[in-house]
Amino acid sequence: MRSTSIRDYALDAVIYISLTLMGLATLLPFANVLSKSISEEWAIVAGKVGIVPVGFQLDTLRFVVTSGQFLHALFISALVAIIGTLASLLVTAMTAYPLSKRELPGTGPLIVLFIFTMMFNGGIIPNYLLIRQLDLIDNLGALILPALVSVFNMLVVKSYFESLPASLEESAKLEGARNYTILFRIILPLSGPVLATIGLFYAVYYWNDYFNPMLYINSASLKPLQLYLQDIVMNADTSSALNRSADDLMNVPAEGVRSATVIASTIPILLVYPFLQKYFIKGVLIGSVKG
């Protein structure tokens, strides 16, 4: 028994050490970008910045976040993320609620159809033709409508709804409550953990999405933060990318600007997570296991 216990402890130690090392390895690129965003100009130009900053300055970050283009792109991304997340949560909940009623006829085939669309889709060209036919090219609606419902998220919410006691709805129906009243006044208030979790999934998707904007957005005034970030990373001439004069950029290295832009675009979504962390694991486990 003792040798088995020692073997178990050794195995647990190896697993924890391996997971810790892998976790730290995933942070190395972020640490490098962060170091470049706050390191001195000469160190960045000389290529001496690794995962530890060389010197310390905030001029590059200040230069990036005071750019008019950056602030406008930040506003567009925040607008799309907020509206898209709220709309997606509403439509996802309204889709999951009837599908959670197994006694309703036709729910089985409908769920199969939803799962089919999760596994297969029409592809980029049919999607683009559909968006163009809907007259959504160069419109923020093209960034929200294609991702309005994630089938995976809907199935998680559906499973959570199925885990709620049926007696709640029965009591409400005896009092004369209709389905919409039951959903919005009883079911959704009890679904905080799973809605917070799915809301975080949607918010991260809308915030990080750059492929749909790249396909559907042509106007510079409608470019979200990720497209702006792509312009900064891909464009070696940061003065044209940032709309600043060469004099403004004299003491700001291009690599530092790129790194500072990446950090500045990552911070907002990182600030959201701590407020939803207490719901995150609980919501995923309940919505995935029960039902």
Protein backbone atom coordinates (compact mmCIF):
# COMPACT_ATOMS: atom_id res chain seq x y z
CA MET A 1 0.00 0.00 0.00
CA ARG A 2 2.81 2.38 0.87
CA SER A 3 4.64 1.82 -2.43
CA THR A 4 1.41 2.41 -4.31
CA SER A 5 0.82 5.63 -2.40
CA ILE A 6 4.35 6.87 -3.13
CA ARG A 7 3.88 5.97 -6.79
CA ASP A 8 0.62 7.93 -6.88
CA TYR A 9 2.24 10.96 -5.29
CA ALA A 10 5.10 10.79 -7.79
CA LEU A 11 2.66 10.54 -10.71
CA ASP A 12 0.65 13.51 -9.41
CA ALA A 13 3.86 15.52 -9.02
CA VAL A 14 4.90 14.74 -12.60
CA ILE A 15 1.46 15.72 -13.91
CA TYR A 16 1.37 19.00 -11.97
CA ILE A 17 4.92 19.91 -13.00
CA SER A 18 4.19 19.09 -16.66
CA LEU A 19 0.99 21.13 -16.69
CA THR A 20 2.75 24.03 -14.97
CA LEU A 21 5.58 24.00 -17.52
CA MET A 22 3.12 23.82 -20.42
CA GLY A 23 1.12 26.69 -18.93
CA LEU A 24 4.25 28.80 -18.55
CA ALA A 25 5.29 27.96 -22.11
CA THR A 26 2.01 29.36 -23.45
CA LEU A 27 2.73 32.63 -21.63
CA LEU A 28 6.18 33.10 -23.19
CA PRO A 29 4.98 34.82 -26.41
CA PHE A 30 2.73 37.15 -24.40
CA ALA A 31 5.62 37.93 -22.03
CA ASN A 32 7.85 38.76 -25.01
CA VAL A 33 5.26 41.10 -26.53
CA LEU A 34 4.65 42.77 -23.16
CA SER A 35 8.39 43.25 -22.64
CA LYS A 36 8.80 44.87 -26.05
CA SER A 37 5.91 47.25 -25.37
CA ILE A 38 7.57 48.68 -22.24
CA SER A 39 11.29 48.29 -23.02
CA GLU A 40 13.66 51.07 -24.04
CA GLU A 41 13.95 51.95 -27.71
CA TRP A 42 17.61 50.99 -28.10
CA ALA A 43 17.01 47.51 -26.65
CA ILE A 44 14.15 46.81 -29.05
CA VAL A 45 16.11 48.01 -32.06
CA ALA A 46 19.15 45.94 -30.99
CA GLY A 47 17.00 42.84 -30.55
CA LYS A 48 17.99 42.38 -26.90
CA VAL A 49 14.47 42.08 -25.48
CA GLY A 50 13.35 38.59 -24.50
CA ILE A 51 10.77 37.77 -21.85
CA VAL A 52 12.21 40.32 -19.41
CA PRO A 53 11.96 44.06 -20.21
CA VAL A 54 15.19 45.95 -20.80
CA GLY A 55 14.71 49.30 -19.13
CA PHE A 56 11.21 50.64 -18.59
CA GLN A 57 9.08 53.24 -20.37
CA LEU A 58 5.38 53.76 -21.07
CA ASP A 59 5.78 56.25 -23.92
CA THR A 60 5.05 53.62 -26.58
CA LEU A 61 1.84 52.47 -24.89
CA ARG A 62 0.81 56.08 -24.36
CA PHE A 63 1.56 56.80 -28.01
CA VAL A 64 -0.67 53.91 -29.14
CA VAL A 65 -3.67 54.45 -26.87
CA THR A 66 -3.87 58.17 -27.67
CA SER A 67 -4.10 57.52 -31.40
CA GLY A 68 -7.47 58.59 -32.82
CA GLN A 69 -7.62 55.54 -35.08
CA PHE A 70 -6.94 53.19 -32.17
CA LEU A 71 -9.66 54.75 -30.01
CA HIS A 72 -12.18 54.63 -32.86
CA ALA A 73 -11.37 50.98 -33.63
CA LEU A 74 -11.65 50.22 -29.91
CA PHE A 75 -15.11 51.81 -29.87
CA ILE A 76 -16.23 49.76 -32.90
CA SER A 77 -14.99 46.51 -31.33
CA ALA A 78 -16.64 47.30 -28.00
CA LEU A 79 -19.91 48.17 -29.75
CA VAL A 80 -19.91 44.94 -31.76
CA ALA A 81 -18.93 42.84 -28.74
CA ILE A 82 -21.60 44.32 -26.45
CA ILE A 83 -24.48 44.26 -28.96
CA GLY A 84 -23.41 40.91 -30.40
CA THR A 85 -23.08 39.26 -26.98
CA LEU A 86 -26.46 40.50 -25.74
CA ALA A 87 -28.21 39.56 -28.98
CA SER A 88 -26.54 36.15 -29.07
CA LEU A 89 -27.50 35.40 -25.48
CA LEU A 90 -31.11 36.37 -26.17
CA VAL A 91 -31.44 34.32 -29.36
CA THR A 92 -29.52 31.37 -27.89
CA ALA A 93 -31.79 31.25 -24.83
CA MET A 94 -34.95 31.58 -26.92
CA THR A 95 -33.73 28.75 -29.16
CA ALA A 96 -32.62 26.47 -26.34
CA TYR A 97 -35.78 26.84 -24.26
CA PRO A 98 -38.26 25.10 -26.61
CA LEU A 99 -35.67 22.49 -27.58
CA SER A 100 -35.28 21.61 -23.90
CA LYS A 101 -38.92 20.45 -23.81
CA ARG A 102 -38.66 16.83 -24.81
CA GLU A 103 -42.41 16.43 -24.80
CA LEU A 104 -42.77 18.84 -27.72
CA PRO A 105 -43.04 17.03 -31.08
CA GLY A 106 -40.23 17.52 -33.57
CA THR A 107 -37.50 18.59 -31.14
CA GLY A 108 -35.37 15.53 -31.97
CA PRO A 109 -35.12 16.21 -35.74
CA LEU A 110 -34.56 19.92 -35.07
CA ILE A 111 -31.64 19.17 -32.78
CA VAL A 112 -30.17 16.88 -35.46
CA LEU A 113 -30.44 19.73 -37.99
CA PHE A 114 -28.71 22.11 -35.61
CA ILE A 115 -25.89 19.64 -35.01
CA PHE A 116 -25.56 19.12 -38.78
CA THR A 117 -25.02 22.86 -39.27
CA MET A 118 -22.38 22.73 -36.54
CA MET A 119 -20.47 20.02 -38.40
CA PHE A 120 -20.91 21.33 -41.94
CA ASN A 121 -21.37 24.79 -43.45
CA GLY A 122 -21.67 26.28 -46.89
CA GLY A 123 -18.18 27.76 -46.99
CA ILE A 124 -16.75 31.23 -47.45
CA ILE A 125 -18.13 32.02 -50.90
CA PRO A 126 -21.79 31.09 -50.21
CA ASN A 127 -21.61 33.01 -46.92
CA TYR A 128 -20.21 36.06 -48.69
CA LEU A 129 -22.89 35.87 -51.39
CA LEU A 130 -25.57 35.63 -48.70
CA ILE A 131 -24.22 38.65 -46.81
CA ARG A 132 -24.05 40.63 -50.06
CA GLN A 133 -27.60 39.63 -51.00
CA LEU A 134 -28.76 40.84 -47.58
CA ASP A 135 -27.04 44.18 -48.33
CA LEU A 136 -24.82 43.86 -45.26
CA ILE A 137 -21.47 44.48 -46.95
CA ASP A 138 -19.70 47.34 -45.16
CA ASN A 139 -22.25 47.11 -42.36
CA LEU A 140 -21.66 46.20 -38.72
CA GLY A 141 -24.57 43.77 -38.96
CA ALA A 142 -22.30 41.50 -41.01
CA LEU A 143 -20.09 41.11 -37.93
CA ILE A 144 -22.98 40.10 -35.66
CA LEU A 145 -25.57 38.13 -37.63
CA PRO A 146 -23.33 35.29 -38.92
CA ALA A 147 -22.30 34.42 -35.34
CA LEU A 148 -25.63 35.13 -33.67
CA VAL A 149 -26.11 31.54 -32.50
CA SER A 150 -23.39 29.02 -31.75
CA VAL A 151 -24.88 25.52 -31.80
CA PHE A 152 -22.44 24.31 -29.16
CA ASN A 153 -23.38 27.17 -26.82
CA MET A 154 -27.06 26.58 -27.50
CA LEU A 155 -26.73 22.89 -26.59
CA VAL A 156 -24.98 23.81 -23.33
CA VAL A 157 -27.79 26.23 -22.42
CA LYS A 158 -30.39 23.63 -23.44
CA SER A 159 -28.82 21.05 -21.12
CA TYR A 160 -28.84 23.57 -18.28
CA PHE A 161 -32.51 24.35 -18.84
CA GLU A 162 -33.28 20.63 -18.72
CA SER A 163 -31.56 20.39 -15.33
CA LEU A 164 -33.94 22.91 -13.73
CA PRO A 165 -36.86 21.44 -11.76
CA ALA A 166 -39.99 21.02 -13.86
CA SER A 167 -42.09 21.98 -10.83
CA LEU A 168 -41.04 25.62 -11.27
CA GLU A 169 -42.76 25.86 -14.64
CA GLU A 170 -45.74 23.82 -13.51
CA SER A 171 -46.34 26.19 -10.60
CA ALA A 172 -46.01 29.22 -12.89
CA LYS A 173 -48.46 27.76 -15.42
CA LEU A 174 -50.99 27.13 -12.64
CA GLU A 175 -50.77 30.86 -11.88
CA GLY A 176 -51.51 31.65 -15.53
CA ALA A 177 -47.98 32.51 -16.67
CA ARG A 178 -47.22 32.12 -20.36
CA ASN A 179 -44.09 30.67 -21.91
CA TYR A 180 -42.36 34.05 -22.42
CA THR A 181 -43.10 35.04 -18.84
CA ILE A 182 -41.71 31.73 -17.57
CA LEU A 183 -38.57 32.09 -19.68
CA PHE A 184 -37.73 35.71 -18.84
CA ARG A 185 -38.92 35.88 -15.24
CA ILE A 186 -38.14 32.39 -13.94
CA ILE A 187 -35.75 30.43 -16.15
CA LEU A 188 -33.26 33.13 -17.12
CA PRO A 189 -32.84 34.59 -13.60
CA LEU A 190 -31.95 31.07 -12.42
CA SER A 191 -29.48 30.56 -15.28
CA GLY A 192 -26.87 33.12 -14.25
CA PRO A 193 -23.87 30.73 -14.23
CA VAL A 194 -24.43 29.26 -17.68
CA LEU A 195 -25.40 32.61 -19.23
CA ALA A 196 -22.28 34.26 -17.80
CA THR A 197 -20.13 31.47 -19.20
CA ILE A 198 -21.72 31.47 -22.64
CA GLY A 199 -21.70 35.27 -22.63
CA LEU A 200 -17.94 35.20 -22.09
CA PHE A 201 -17.56 32.79 -25.01
CA TYR A 202 -19.56 35.08 -27.26
CA ALA A 203 -17.78 38.24 -26.06
CA VAL A 204 -14.33 36.75 -26.68
CA TYR A 205 -15.40 35.61 -30.15
CA TYR A 206 -16.78 38.99 -31.18
CA TRP A 207 -13.78 40.80 -29.70
CA ASN A 208 -11.17 38.59 -31.40
CA ASP A 209 -12.93 38.13 -34.74
CA TYR A 210 -10.95 39.56 -37.62
CA PHE A 211 -11.87 37.20 -40.48
CA ASN A 212 -15.46 38.42 -40.92
CA PRO A 213 -14.42 42.09 -40.78
CA MET A 214 -11.70 41.37 -43.32
CA LEU A 215 -14.32 39.90 -45.70
CA TYR A 216 -17.22 42.27 -45.18
CA ILE A 217 -15.83 45.65 -44.01
CA ASN A 218 -14.31 48.04 -46.52
CA SER A 219 -14.66 51.46 -44.86
CA ALA A 220 -11.83 52.54 -42.56
CA SER A 221 -14.39 54.11 -40.22
CA LEU A 222 -15.99 50.70 -39.57
CA LYS A 223 -12.82 48.72 -38.99
CA PRO A 224 -12.78 47.02 -35.57
CA LEU A 225 -9.74 46.76 -33.37
CA GLN A 226 -8.55 43.44 -34.76
CA LEU A 227 -8.41 44.77 -38.31
CA TYR A 228 -6.59 47.85 -37.04
CA LEU A 229 -4.18 45.55 -35.22
CA GLN A 230 -3.64 43.57 -38.41
CA ASP A 231 -2.80 46.78 -40.26
CA ILE A 232 -0.25 47.68 -37.58
CA VAL A 233 1.35 44.22 -37.52
CA MET A 234 1.43 43.78 -41.30
CA ASN A 235 2.34 47.34 -42.22
CA ALA A 236 6.01 48.15 -41.79
CA ASP A 237 5.31 51.88 -42.26
CA THR A 238 3.72 52.58 -38.89
CA SER A 239 3.43 56.28 -39.64
CA SER A 240 0.83 55.58 -42.34
CA ALA A 241 -0.85 52.92 -40.23
CA LEU A 242 -1.18 55.23 -37.24
CA ASN A 243 -1.84 58.41 -39.20
CA ARG A 244 1.06 60.08 -37.42
CA SER A 245 3.88 62.15 -38.89
CA ALA A 246 7.44 60.90 -39.13
CA ASP A 247 8.45 63.40 -36.43
CA ASP A 248 5.99 61.83 -34.01
CA LEU A 249 7.52 58.40 -34.65
CA MET A 250 11.15 59.48 -34.40
CA ASN A 251 11.60 57.98 -30.91
CA VAL A 252 9.05 55.17 -31.24
CA PRO A 253 10.37 51.93 -32.80
CA ALA A 254 8.00 50.10 -35.14
CA GLU A 255 8.33 46.81 -33.24
CA GLY A 256 7.49 48.56 -30.00
CA VAL A 257 4.37 50.09 -31.57
CA ARG A 258 3.23 46.68 -32.79
CA SER A 259 3.76 45.11 -29.38
CA ALA A 260 2.08 47.96 -27.53
CA THR A 261 -0.93 47.74 -29.86
CA VAL A 262 -1.27 44.00 -29.19
CA ILE A 263 -1.14 44.58 -25.43
CA ALA A 264 -3.59 47.50 -25.56
CA SER A 265 -6.08 45.43 -27.57
CA THR A 266 -5.79 42.45 -25.20
CA ILE A 267 -6.28 44.27 -21.89
CA PRO A 268 -10.02 45.13 -22.26
CA ILE A 269 -11.16 41.53 -22.70
CA LEU A 270 -8.82 40.39 -19.90
CA LEU A 271 -10.52 42.84 -17.54
CA VAL A 272 -13.89 41.16 -18.15
CA TYR A 273 -12.83 37.67 -17.12
CA PRO A 274 -12.29 38.23 -13.35
CA PHE A 275 -15.91 39.37 -12.97
CA LEU A 276 -17.20 36.17 -14.61
CA GLN A 277 -14.64 33.72 -13.25
CA LYS A 278 -16.82 32.53 -10.36
CA TYR A 279 -19.52 31.48 -12.85
CA PHE A 280 -17.20 30.07 -15.49
CA ILE A 281 -16.40 26.52 -14.33
CA LYS A 282 -19.75 26.07 -12.60
CA GLY A 283 -21.70 27.06 -15.68
CA VAL A 284 -19.77 24.83 -18.07
CA LEU A 285 -19.97 21.76 -15.81
CA ILE A 286 -23.68 22.09 -15.05
CA GLY A 287 -24.61 22.86 -18.63
CA SER A 288 -22.49 20.05 -20.04
CA VAL A 289 -23.18 17.23 -17.59
CA LYS A 290 -26.78 17.50 -16.45
CA GLY A 291 -29.76 16.73 -18.65
